[in-house]
Amino acid sequence: MVKLNLLLPALALSTANAFAPSTQGRPAFSLNAAQVDSYGNNIAVKNLLKQVEDTGLLTKVAESGLLSKTQAAGLTLSKVEPLLLLAETYPEVLVLVEASGPDVLKILPTIVDIAPGALPLLASAISISPGALQGASVLALAAAAGVVVAVPDDTVVEVAAQTLAAGALVGAGGAAAVGSVILGKILK
């Protein structure tokens, strides 16, 4: 049984605390609103478009022949329409894209910096068939399994090398598999 000399002060203090004025606290979170200029334009998007203009990215895309190679491979805007229908069928994908918007916006300047060097690679990669991408995916996943089996687990360095190699190969295999599915749907 609880001693009465402990219960009564506890009750008195708890009721006194209930009616005491509370201090004005700050909210536990801060609002990360997009910074906009005087016209309401998002400054991050404005800076990104300025960077695209400064690097001449669109001119480099035109000079690389990427657009003509995509058209020659059978990829036109009308072929991208099934992807839009797929997005309409699964609206949760669009919700994820919208939710990741601010995070994606942070990495876009890096992508714009990398893009001019990647254009020749993209121009040559567009001619790869979906079947070849599937084959590369299977080979990469098999190589990842081979690395796990072949590399011993005796030292920390070997385990780290095994993990790095298997992770890279699984990532490449997964990317090739996703690319083959998307390219297969678009080129149908």
N, C-alpha and C. Protein backbone atom coordinates (compact mmCIF):
# COMPACT_ATOMS: atom_id res chain seq x y z
N MET A 1 0.84 -1.18 0.00
CA MET A 1 0.00 0.00 0.00
C MET A 1 0.89 1.25 0.00
N VAL A 2 0.48 2.23 -0.77
CA VAL A 2 1.26 3.45 -0.90
C VAL A 2 1.14 4.25 0.38
N LYS A 3 2.24 4.77 0.82
CA LYS A 3 2.21 5.57 2.04
C LYS A 3 1.50 6.88 1.74
N LEU A 4 0.69 7.28 2.65
CA LEU A 4 -0.10 8.49 2.49
C LEU A 4 0.77 9.74 2.42
N ASN A 5 1.91 9.74 3.12
CA ASN A 5 2.78 10.92 3.10
C ASN A 5 3.49 11.09 1.75
N LEU A 6 3.51 10.10 0.89
CA LEU A 6 4.05 10.24 -0.46
C LEU A 6 2.95 10.57 -1.47
N LEU A 7 1.76 10.04 -1.25
CA LEU A 7 0.67 10.21 -2.19
C LEU A 7 0.11 11.63 -2.17
N LEU A 8 -0.10 12.21 -1.00
CA LEU A 8 -0.69 13.54 -0.92
C LEU A 8 0.19 14.63 -1.54
N PRO A 9 1.49 14.70 -1.26
CA PRO A 9 2.30 15.72 -1.94
C PRO A 9 2.36 15.51 -3.46
N ALA A 10 2.37 14.26 -3.90
CA ALA A 10 2.38 14.00 -5.33
C ALA A 10 1.11 14.51 -5.99
N LEU A 11 -0.04 14.29 -5.37
CA LEU A 11 -1.30 14.80 -5.90
C LEU A 11 -1.32 16.32 -5.90
N ALA A 12 -0.84 16.93 -4.83
CA ALA A 12 -0.84 18.39 -4.74
C ALA A 12 0.07 19.01 -5.81
N LEU A 13 1.24 18.45 -6.01
CA LEU A 13 2.16 19.00 -7.00
C LEU A 13 1.67 18.77 -8.43
N SER A 14 1.04 17.65 -8.68
CA SER A 14 0.56 17.39 -10.04
C SER A 14 -0.60 18.31 -10.39
N THR A 15 -1.48 18.60 -9.44
CA THR A 15 -2.57 19.53 -9.74
C THR A 15 -2.05 20.95 -9.86
N ALA A 16 -1.04 21.31 -9.07
CA ALA A 16 -0.46 22.65 -9.19
C ALA A 16 0.24 22.81 -10.54
N ASN A 17 0.87 21.78 -11.00
CA ASN A 17 1.55 21.83 -12.30
C ASN A 17 0.55 21.94 -13.44
N ALA A 18 -0.62 21.37 -13.27
CA ALA A 18 -1.63 21.41 -14.32
C ALA A 18 -2.13 22.82 -14.58
N PHE A 19 -2.13 23.69 -13.55
CA PHE A 19 -2.65 25.04 -13.70
C PHE A 19 -1.57 26.10 -13.78
N ALA A 20 -0.31 25.70 -13.80
CA ALA A 20 0.78 26.66 -13.91
C ALA A 20 0.90 27.11 -15.37
N PRO A 21 1.26 28.38 -15.60
CA PRO A 21 1.40 28.84 -16.99
C PRO A 21 2.57 28.13 -17.67
N SER A 22 2.35 27.79 -18.91
CA SER A 22 3.41 27.11 -19.64
C SER A 22 4.25 28.14 -20.39
N THR A 23 5.49 27.78 -20.64
CA THR A 23 6.38 28.67 -21.38
C THR A 23 6.09 28.51 -22.87
N GLN A 24 6.30 29.56 -23.61
CA GLN A 24 6.11 29.51 -25.06
C GLN A 24 7.30 28.79 -25.67
N GLY A 25 7.08 27.61 -26.17
CA GLY A 25 8.16 26.82 -26.76
C GLY A 25 8.19 26.98 -28.27
N ARG A 26 9.30 26.61 -28.82
CA ARG A 26 9.43 26.60 -30.28
C ARG A 26 8.87 25.29 -30.81
N PRO A 27 8.39 25.29 -32.03
CA PRO A 27 7.93 24.02 -32.59
C PRO A 27 9.11 23.05 -32.73
N ALA A 28 8.80 21.77 -32.68
CA ALA A 28 9.84 20.75 -32.74
C ALA A 28 10.42 20.61 -34.15
N PHE A 29 9.77 21.16 -35.14
CA PHE A 29 10.26 21.07 -36.51
C PHE A 29 10.32 22.47 -37.11
N SER A 30 11.13 22.60 -38.12
CA SER A 30 11.19 23.88 -38.82
C SER A 30 10.64 23.69 -40.22
N LEU A 31 9.99 24.69 -40.71
CA LEU A 31 9.39 24.63 -42.03
C LEU A 31 10.45 24.92 -43.08
N ASN A 32 10.67 23.97 -43.97
CA ASN A 32 11.65 24.15 -45.04
C ASN A 32 10.91 24.54 -46.31
N ALA A 33 10.48 25.78 -46.37
CA ALA A 33 9.79 26.26 -47.56
C ALA A 33 10.81 26.57 -48.64
N ALA A 34 10.39 26.38 -49.87
CA ALA A 34 11.28 26.67 -50.98
C ALA A 34 11.56 28.17 -51.02
N GLN A 35 12.79 28.51 -51.28
CA GLN A 35 13.13 29.92 -51.38
C GLN A 35 12.74 30.39 -52.77
N VAL A 36 12.03 31.51 -52.80
CA VAL A 36 11.55 32.04 -54.07
C VAL A 36 12.01 33.48 -54.24
N ASP A 37 12.09 33.89 -55.50
CA ASP A 37 12.47 35.28 -55.75
C ASP A 37 11.23 36.16 -55.70
N SER A 38 11.35 37.41 -56.08
CA SER A 38 10.24 38.35 -55.96
C SER A 38 9.08 38.02 -56.90
N TYR A 39 9.33 37.22 -57.94
CA TYR A 39 8.28 36.83 -58.87
C TYR A 39 7.64 35.49 -58.50
N GLY A 40 8.12 34.83 -57.47
CA GLY A 40 7.60 33.54 -57.06
C GLY A 40 8.29 32.36 -57.70
N ASN A 41 9.39 32.59 -58.40
CA ASN A 41 10.14 31.50 -59.02
C ASN A 41 11.03 30.83 -57.98
N ASN A 42 11.07 29.52 -58.01
CA ASN A 42 11.94 28.77 -57.11
C ASN A 42 13.39 29.07 -57.49
N ILE A 43 14.15 29.54 -56.53
CA ILE A 43 15.53 29.96 -56.80
C ILE A 43 16.40 28.77 -57.21
N ALA A 44 16.17 27.60 -56.60
CA ALA A 44 16.98 26.43 -56.95
C ALA A 44 16.75 26.03 -58.41
N VAL A 45 15.49 26.06 -58.84
CA VAL A 45 15.18 25.72 -60.23
C VAL A 45 15.76 26.78 -61.17
N LYS A 46 15.65 28.04 -60.76
CA LYS A 46 16.20 29.13 -61.57
C LYS A 46 17.72 28.98 -61.74
N ASN A 47 18.41 28.64 -60.65
CA ASN A 47 19.86 28.43 -60.72
C ASN A 47 20.21 27.23 -61.59
N LEU A 48 19.40 26.17 -61.50
CA LEU A 48 19.63 24.98 -62.32
C LEU A 48 19.50 25.31 -63.81
N LEU A 49 18.45 26.04 -64.16
CA LEU A 49 18.26 26.41 -65.56
C LEU A 49 19.37 27.32 -66.04
N LYS A 50 19.85 28.19 -65.18
CA LYS A 50 20.98 29.06 -65.53
C LYS A 50 22.23 28.22 -65.78
N GLN A 51 22.43 27.18 -64.94
CA GLN A 51 23.59 26.30 -65.11
C GLN A 51 23.49 25.52 -66.42
N VAL A 52 22.28 25.07 -66.76
CA VAL A 52 22.08 24.36 -68.04
C VAL A 52 22.41 25.29 -69.20
N GLU A 53 22.00 26.55 -69.08
CA GLU A 53 22.30 27.53 -70.13
C GLU A 53 23.80 27.82 -70.20
N ASP A 54 24.44 27.99 -69.05
CA ASP A 54 25.87 28.32 -69.03
C ASP A 54 26.74 27.20 -69.60
N THR A 55 26.37 25.95 -69.30
CA THR A 55 27.17 24.83 -69.79
C THR A 55 26.87 24.48 -71.25
N GLY A 56 25.79 25.03 -71.79
CA GLY A 56 25.41 24.72 -73.17
C GLY A 56 24.98 23.27 -73.31
N LEU A 57 24.31 22.75 -72.30
CA LEU A 57 23.95 21.33 -72.28
C LEU A 57 23.07 20.95 -73.47
N LEU A 58 22.08 21.76 -73.77
CA LEU A 58 21.17 21.41 -74.86
C LEU A 58 21.89 21.43 -76.21
N THR A 59 22.82 22.34 -76.39
CA THR A 59 23.62 22.36 -77.62
C THR A 59 24.48 21.11 -77.70
N LYS A 60 25.05 20.70 -76.59
CA LYS A 60 25.89 19.50 -76.58
C LYS A 60 25.05 18.25 -76.85
N VAL A 61 23.80 18.23 -76.35
CA VAL A 61 22.91 17.10 -76.65
C VAL A 61 22.65 17.05 -78.16
N ALA A 62 22.39 18.20 -78.76
CA ALA A 62 22.13 18.24 -80.20
C ALA A 62 23.37 17.82 -80.99
N GLU A 63 24.55 18.28 -80.57
CA GLU A 63 25.78 17.96 -81.29
C GLU A 63 26.18 16.50 -81.14
N SER A 64 25.79 15.87 -80.05
CA SER A 64 26.19 14.47 -79.82
C SER A 64 25.43 13.50 -80.71
N GLY A 65 24.33 13.94 -81.29
CA GLY A 65 23.54 13.05 -82.12
C GLY A 65 22.65 12.12 -81.32
N LEU A 66 22.51 12.39 -80.04
CA LEU A 66 21.72 11.51 -79.17
C LEU A 66 20.27 11.45 -79.61
N LEU A 67 19.70 12.58 -79.98
CA LEU A 67 18.28 12.61 -80.36
C LEU A 67 18.03 11.84 -81.65
N SER A 68 18.91 11.99 -82.64
CA SER A 68 18.73 11.25 -83.89
C SER A 68 18.95 9.75 -83.68
N LYS A 69 19.87 9.40 -82.78
CA LYS A 69 20.11 7.98 -82.50
C LYS A 69 18.93 7.37 -81.75
N THR A 70 18.30 8.13 -80.87
CA THR A 70 17.11 7.61 -80.18
C THR A 70 15.97 7.42 -81.17
N GLN A 71 15.84 8.34 -82.10
CA GLN A 71 14.80 8.21 -83.11
C GLN A 71 15.10 7.03 -84.03
N ALA A 72 16.36 6.84 -84.39
CA ALA A 72 16.74 5.70 -85.24
C ALA A 72 16.53 4.38 -84.51
N ALA A 73 16.67 4.39 -83.19
CA ALA A 73 16.45 3.18 -82.40
C ALA A 73 14.96 2.89 -82.22
N GLY A 74 14.11 3.82 -82.66
CA GLY A 74 12.68 3.61 -82.55
C GLY A 74 12.06 4.25 -81.34
N LEU A 75 12.79 5.08 -80.66
CA LEU A 75 12.27 5.74 -79.46
C LEU A 75 11.76 7.12 -79.83
N THR A 76 10.44 7.27 -79.82
CA THR A 76 9.82 8.56 -80.11
C THR A 76 8.94 8.94 -78.93
N LEU A 77 8.45 10.16 -78.94
CA LEU A 77 7.60 10.61 -77.84
C LEU A 77 6.31 9.79 -77.77
N SER A 78 5.82 9.33 -78.92
CA SER A 78 4.61 8.52 -78.90
C SER A 78 4.86 7.17 -78.24
N LYS A 79 6.10 6.71 -78.26
CA LYS A 79 6.43 5.44 -77.61
C LYS A 79 6.58 5.60 -76.10
N VAL A 80 6.77 6.83 -75.64
CA VAL A 80 6.90 7.09 -74.20
C VAL A 80 5.52 7.13 -73.55
N GLU A 81 4.48 7.25 -74.37
CA GLU A 81 3.12 7.35 -73.85
C GLU A 81 2.73 6.18 -72.95
N PRO A 82 3.12 4.92 -73.25
CA PRO A 82 2.78 3.83 -72.32
C PRO A 82 3.32 4.04 -70.90
N LEU A 83 4.47 4.72 -70.79
CA LEU A 83 4.99 5.01 -69.45
C LEU A 83 4.08 5.98 -68.72
N LEU A 84 3.52 6.93 -69.45
CA LEU A 84 2.58 7.86 -68.83
C LEU A 84 1.32 7.14 -68.39
N LEU A 85 0.85 6.20 -69.21
CA LEU A 85 -0.31 5.41 -68.82
C LEU A 85 0.00 4.54 -67.62
N LEU A 86 1.22 4.03 -67.56
CA LEU A 86 1.64 3.24 -66.41
C LEU A 86 1.66 4.10 -65.15
N ALA A 87 2.12 5.33 -65.28
CA ALA A 87 2.12 6.25 -64.14
C ALA A 87 0.70 6.59 -63.72
N GLU A 88 -0.21 6.66 -64.69
CA GLU A 88 -1.60 6.94 -64.36
C GLU A 88 -2.23 5.74 -63.65
N THR A 89 -1.84 4.54 -64.04
CA THR A 89 -2.37 3.33 -63.41
C THR A 89 -1.90 3.19 -61.97
N TYR A 90 -0.65 3.58 -61.71
CA TYR A 90 -0.06 3.49 -60.38
C TYR A 90 0.26 4.89 -59.87
N PRO A 91 -0.75 5.61 -59.34
CA PRO A 91 -0.50 7.01 -58.92
C PRO A 91 0.46 7.12 -57.74
N GLU A 92 0.68 6.03 -57.01
CA GLU A 92 1.62 6.11 -55.89
C GLU A 92 3.04 6.39 -56.37
N VAL A 93 3.34 6.03 -57.61
CA VAL A 93 4.66 6.35 -58.16
C VAL A 93 4.83 7.85 -58.28
N LEU A 94 3.78 8.52 -58.75
CA LEU A 94 3.84 9.98 -58.88
C LEU A 94 3.93 10.65 -57.52
N VAL A 95 3.28 10.07 -56.52
CA VAL A 95 3.38 10.62 -55.17
C VAL A 95 4.82 10.52 -54.67
N LEU A 96 5.47 9.39 -54.95
CA LEU A 96 6.87 9.23 -54.54
C LEU A 96 7.77 10.22 -55.27
N VAL A 97 7.51 10.42 -56.55
CA VAL A 97 8.32 11.38 -57.32
C VAL A 97 8.11 12.79 -56.78
N GLU A 98 6.85 13.12 -56.49
CA GLU A 98 6.56 14.46 -55.96
C GLU A 98 7.18 14.65 -54.59
N ALA A 99 7.13 13.61 -53.75
CA ALA A 99 7.70 13.72 -52.41
C ALA A 99 9.21 13.84 -52.46
N SER A 100 9.83 13.21 -53.45
CA SER A 100 11.28 13.28 -53.54
C SER A 100 11.76 14.50 -54.32
N GLY A 101 10.84 15.34 -54.76
CA GLY A 101 11.19 16.52 -55.54
C GLY A 101 12.28 17.38 -54.94
N PRO A 102 12.15 17.81 -53.68
CA PRO A 102 13.21 18.64 -53.10
C PRO A 102 14.55 17.91 -53.02
N ASP A 103 14.52 16.61 -52.76
CA ASP A 103 15.77 15.85 -52.69
C ASP A 103 16.39 15.69 -54.07
N VAL A 104 15.56 15.45 -55.07
CA VAL A 104 16.06 15.31 -56.44
C VAL A 104 16.62 16.64 -56.93
N LEU A 105 15.97 17.73 -56.54
CA LEU A 105 16.40 19.06 -56.96
C LEU A 105 17.82 19.36 -56.50
N LYS A 106 18.22 18.78 -55.37
CA LYS A 106 19.57 19.01 -54.83
C LYS A 106 20.64 18.34 -55.69
N ILE A 107 20.31 17.19 -56.31
CA ILE A 107 21.33 16.48 -57.08
C ILE A 107 21.34 16.85 -58.56
N LEU A 108 20.33 17.58 -59.01
CA LEU A 108 20.28 17.94 -60.43
C LEU A 108 21.47 18.76 -60.90
N PRO A 109 22.00 19.72 -60.11
CA PRO A 109 23.20 20.42 -60.59
C PRO A 109 24.38 19.49 -60.84
N THR A 110 24.53 18.47 -60.02
CA THR A 110 25.60 17.50 -60.23
C THR A 110 25.37 16.73 -61.52
N ILE A 111 24.12 16.37 -61.78
CA ILE A 111 23.80 15.65 -63.01
C ILE A 111 24.09 16.52 -64.22
N VAL A 112 23.77 17.82 -64.12
CA VAL A 112 24.04 18.74 -65.23
C VAL A 112 25.55 18.84 -65.47
N ASP A 113 26.35 18.80 -64.39
CA ASP A 113 27.80 18.84 -64.55
C ASP A 113 28.34 17.58 -65.22
N ILE A 114 27.76 16.43 -64.88
CA ILE A 114 28.23 15.14 -65.40
C ILE A 114 27.72 14.89 -66.82
N ALA A 115 26.57 15.43 -67.16
CA ALA A 115 25.89 15.11 -68.42
C ALA A 115 26.73 15.32 -69.68
N PRO A 116 27.46 16.43 -69.83
CA PRO A 116 28.22 16.58 -71.09
C PRO A 116 29.22 15.45 -71.34
N GLY A 117 29.85 14.96 -70.31
CA GLY A 117 30.79 13.86 -70.48
C GLY A 117 30.10 12.53 -70.73
N ALA A 118 28.85 12.41 -70.26
CA ALA A 118 28.12 11.15 -70.41
C ALA A 118 27.37 11.06 -71.73
N LEU A 119 27.26 12.15 -72.45
CA LEU A 119 26.49 12.13 -73.70
C LEU A 119 27.00 11.13 -74.73
N PRO A 120 28.31 11.03 -74.98
CA PRO A 120 28.76 10.00 -75.94
C PRO A 120 28.41 8.58 -75.49
N LEU A 121 28.50 8.34 -74.20
CA LEU A 121 28.14 7.02 -73.67
C LEU A 121 26.66 6.75 -73.87
N LEU A 122 25.82 7.74 -73.59
CA LEU A 122 24.38 7.58 -73.80
C LEU A 122 24.05 7.39 -75.27
N ALA A 123 24.75 8.13 -76.13
CA ALA A 123 24.49 8.01 -77.57
C ALA A 123 24.82 6.61 -78.07
N SER A 124 25.86 5.99 -77.54
CA SER A 124 26.18 4.62 -77.96
C SER A 124 25.31 3.59 -77.24
N ALA A 125 24.88 3.90 -76.03
CA ALA A 125 24.08 2.94 -75.26
C ALA A 125 22.66 2.84 -75.76
N ILE A 126 22.16 3.87 -76.45
CA ILE A 126 20.78 3.85 -76.90
C ILE A 126 20.55 2.78 -77.97
N SER A 127 21.63 2.36 -78.63
CA SER A 127 21.48 1.36 -79.69
C SER A 127 21.52 -0.07 -79.15
N ILE A 128 21.71 -0.25 -77.85
CA ILE A 128 21.73 -1.59 -77.26
C ILE A 128 20.30 -2.12 -77.17
N SER A 129 20.11 -3.37 -77.56
CA SER A 129 18.77 -3.95 -77.54
C SER A 129 18.38 -4.36 -76.12
N PRO A 130 17.07 -4.43 -75.83
CA PRO A 130 16.64 -4.88 -74.50
C PRO A 130 17.12 -6.29 -74.17
N GLY A 131 17.22 -7.15 -75.18
CA GLY A 131 17.72 -8.51 -74.94
C GLY A 131 19.17 -8.52 -74.48
N ALA A 132 19.97 -7.65 -75.09
CA ALA A 132 21.37 -7.55 -74.67
C ALA A 132 21.48 -7.03 -73.24
N LEU A 133 20.61 -6.08 -72.89
CA LEU A 133 20.61 -5.58 -71.52
C LEU A 133 20.20 -6.67 -70.53
N GLN A 134 19.22 -7.49 -70.91
CA GLN A 134 18.83 -8.60 -70.04
C GLN A 134 19.98 -9.58 -69.87
N GLY A 135 20.68 -9.87 -70.95
CA GLY A 135 21.85 -10.75 -70.87
C GLY A 135 22.93 -10.18 -69.97
N ALA A 136 23.17 -8.87 -70.10
CA ALA A 136 24.16 -8.22 -69.23
C ALA A 136 23.72 -8.26 -67.78
N SER A 137 22.42 -8.14 -67.55
CA SER A 137 21.89 -8.20 -66.19
C SER A 137 22.13 -9.58 -65.58
N VAL A 138 21.84 -10.61 -66.34
CA VAL A 138 22.05 -11.98 -65.84
C VAL A 138 23.53 -12.23 -65.58
N LEU A 139 24.38 -11.79 -66.51
CA LEU A 139 25.83 -11.97 -66.32
C LEU A 139 26.34 -11.23 -65.09
N ALA A 140 25.87 -10.01 -64.88
CA ALA A 140 26.32 -9.24 -63.72
C ALA A 140 25.87 -9.89 -62.42
N LEU A 141 24.64 -10.38 -62.38
CA LEU A 141 24.16 -11.04 -61.17
C LEU A 141 24.89 -12.35 -60.92
N ALA A 142 25.19 -13.09 -62.01
CA ALA A 142 25.96 -14.32 -61.86
C ALA A 142 27.38 -14.01 -61.40
N ALA A 143 27.96 -12.94 -61.91
CA ALA A 143 29.31 -12.55 -61.48
C ALA A 143 29.31 -12.14 -60.01
N ALA A 144 28.24 -11.49 -59.56
CA ALA A 144 28.14 -11.13 -58.14
C ALA A 144 28.10 -12.38 -57.27
N ALA A 145 27.33 -13.37 -57.70
CA ALA A 145 27.29 -14.62 -56.95
C ALA A 145 28.65 -15.31 -57.00
N GLY A 146 29.32 -15.25 -58.14
CA GLY A 146 30.66 -15.84 -58.26
C GLY A 146 31.67 -15.17 -57.35
N VAL A 147 31.59 -13.86 -57.22
CA VAL A 147 32.50 -13.14 -56.32
C VAL A 147 32.28 -13.58 -54.88
N VAL A 148 31.01 -13.71 -54.50
CA VAL A 148 30.71 -14.12 -53.12
C VAL A 148 31.24 -15.52 -52.85
N VAL A 149 31.14 -16.41 -53.84
CA VAL A 149 31.61 -17.78 -53.65
C VAL A 149 33.13 -17.87 -53.75
N ALA A 150 33.74 -17.17 -54.69
CA ALA A 150 35.16 -17.32 -54.97
C ALA A 150 36.08 -16.59 -54.00
N VAL A 151 35.68 -15.42 -53.55
CA VAL A 151 36.55 -14.64 -52.66
C VAL A 151 36.39 -15.17 -51.24
N PRO A 152 37.48 -15.57 -50.61
CA PRO A 152 37.38 -16.12 -49.25
C PRO A 152 37.00 -15.03 -48.23
N ASP A 153 36.48 -15.49 -47.11
CA ASP A 153 36.07 -14.59 -46.03
C ASP A 153 37.07 -14.62 -44.88
N ASP A 154 38.36 -14.68 -45.18
CA ASP A 154 39.36 -14.87 -44.13
C ASP A 154 39.76 -13.57 -43.44
N THR A 155 39.85 -12.48 -44.17
CA THR A 155 40.29 -11.22 -43.56
C THR A 155 39.24 -10.14 -43.79
N VAL A 156 39.40 -9.06 -43.06
CA VAL A 156 38.47 -7.94 -43.19
C VAL A 156 38.59 -7.32 -44.59
N VAL A 157 39.80 -7.26 -45.12
CA VAL A 157 40.01 -6.68 -46.45
C VAL A 157 39.30 -7.52 -47.51
N GLU A 158 39.39 -8.84 -47.40
CA GLU A 158 38.72 -9.70 -48.37
C GLU A 158 37.21 -9.57 -48.29
N VAL A 159 36.69 -9.46 -47.07
CA VAL A 159 35.24 -9.30 -46.90
C VAL A 159 34.80 -7.95 -47.48
N ALA A 160 35.60 -6.90 -47.24
CA ALA A 160 35.27 -5.59 -47.79
C ALA A 160 35.31 -5.60 -49.31
N ALA A 161 36.33 -6.24 -49.89
CA ALA A 161 36.44 -6.33 -51.35
C ALA A 161 35.28 -7.13 -51.92
N GLN A 162 34.94 -8.22 -51.25
CA GLN A 162 33.83 -9.05 -51.68
C GLN A 162 32.52 -8.26 -51.66
N THR A 163 32.30 -7.52 -50.58
CA THR A 163 31.09 -6.72 -50.45
C THR A 163 31.02 -5.62 -51.50
N LEU A 164 32.14 -4.95 -51.72
CA LEU A 164 32.17 -3.88 -52.71
C LEU A 164 31.91 -4.41 -54.11
N ALA A 165 32.59 -5.49 -54.47
CA ALA A 165 32.42 -6.05 -55.81
C ALA A 165 31.01 -6.59 -56.01
N ALA A 166 30.51 -7.33 -55.03
CA ALA A 166 29.16 -7.89 -55.16
C ALA A 166 28.12 -6.78 -55.21
N GLY A 167 28.29 -5.75 -54.40
CA GLY A 167 27.34 -4.64 -54.41
C GLY A 167 27.33 -3.91 -55.74
N ALA A 168 28.51 -3.67 -56.30
CA ALA A 168 28.59 -2.98 -57.59
C ALA A 168 27.97 -3.83 -58.70
N LEU A 169 28.24 -5.14 -58.68
CA LEU A 169 27.70 -6.01 -59.71
C LEU A 169 26.18 -6.17 -59.58
N VAL A 170 25.68 -6.26 -58.37
CA VAL A 170 24.23 -6.35 -58.18
C VAL A 170 23.57 -5.04 -58.62
N GLY A 171 24.19 -3.92 -58.29
CA GLY A 171 23.65 -2.63 -58.74
C GLY A 171 23.62 -2.52 -60.25
N ALA A 172 24.71 -2.92 -60.90
CA ALA A 172 24.77 -2.88 -62.36
C ALA A 172 23.76 -3.84 -62.98
N GLY A 173 23.64 -5.03 -62.39
CA GLY A 173 22.68 -6.00 -62.90
C GLY A 173 21.25 -5.52 -62.74
N GLY A 174 20.96 -4.92 -61.59
CA GLY A 174 19.62 -4.38 -61.37
C GLY A 174 19.31 -3.24 -62.32
N ALA A 175 20.27 -2.36 -62.52
CA ALA A 175 20.07 -1.24 -63.45
C ALA A 175 19.85 -1.75 -64.87
N ALA A 176 20.61 -2.76 -65.27
CA ALA A 176 20.44 -3.32 -66.61
C ALA A 176 19.08 -3.99 -66.76
N ALA A 177 18.63 -4.67 -65.71
CA ALA A 177 17.32 -5.32 -65.76
C ALA A 177 16.20 -4.29 -65.88
N VAL A 178 16.27 -3.25 -65.06
CA VAL A 178 15.25 -2.19 -65.12
C VAL A 178 15.31 -1.49 -66.47
N GLY A 179 16.51 -1.21 -66.95
CA GLY A 179 16.66 -0.57 -68.25
C GLY A 179 16.10 -1.41 -69.38
N SER A 180 16.31 -2.72 -69.31
CA SER A 180 15.79 -3.58 -70.37
C SER A 180 14.27 -3.63 -70.36
N VAL A 181 13.68 -3.63 -69.17
CA VAL A 181 12.22 -3.64 -69.09
C VAL A 181 11.65 -2.33 -69.63
N ILE A 182 12.22 -1.21 -69.21
CA ILE A 182 11.73 0.09 -69.67
C ILE A 182 11.93 0.24 -71.18
N LEU A 183 13.12 -0.11 -71.65
CA LEU A 183 13.40 0.00 -73.09
C LEU A 183 12.51 -0.95 -73.89
N GLY A 184 12.26 -2.14 -73.34
CA GLY A 184 11.37 -3.08 -74.01
C GLY A 184 9.95 -2.55 -74.13
N LYS A 185 9.46 -1.90 -73.08
CA LYS A 185 8.11 -1.34 -73.12
C LYS A 185 8.03 -0.15 -74.08
N ILE A 186 9.08 0.65 -74.10
CA ILE A 186 9.07 1.83 -74.96
C ILE A 186 9.18 1.45 -76.43
N LEU A 187 10.05 0.50 -76.75
CA LEU A 187 10.31 0.15 -78.14
C LEU A 187 9.28 -0.80 -78.73
N LYS A 188 8.30 -1.25 -77.95
CA LYS A 188 7.27 -2.15 -78.47
C LYS A 188 6.49 -1.49 -79.56
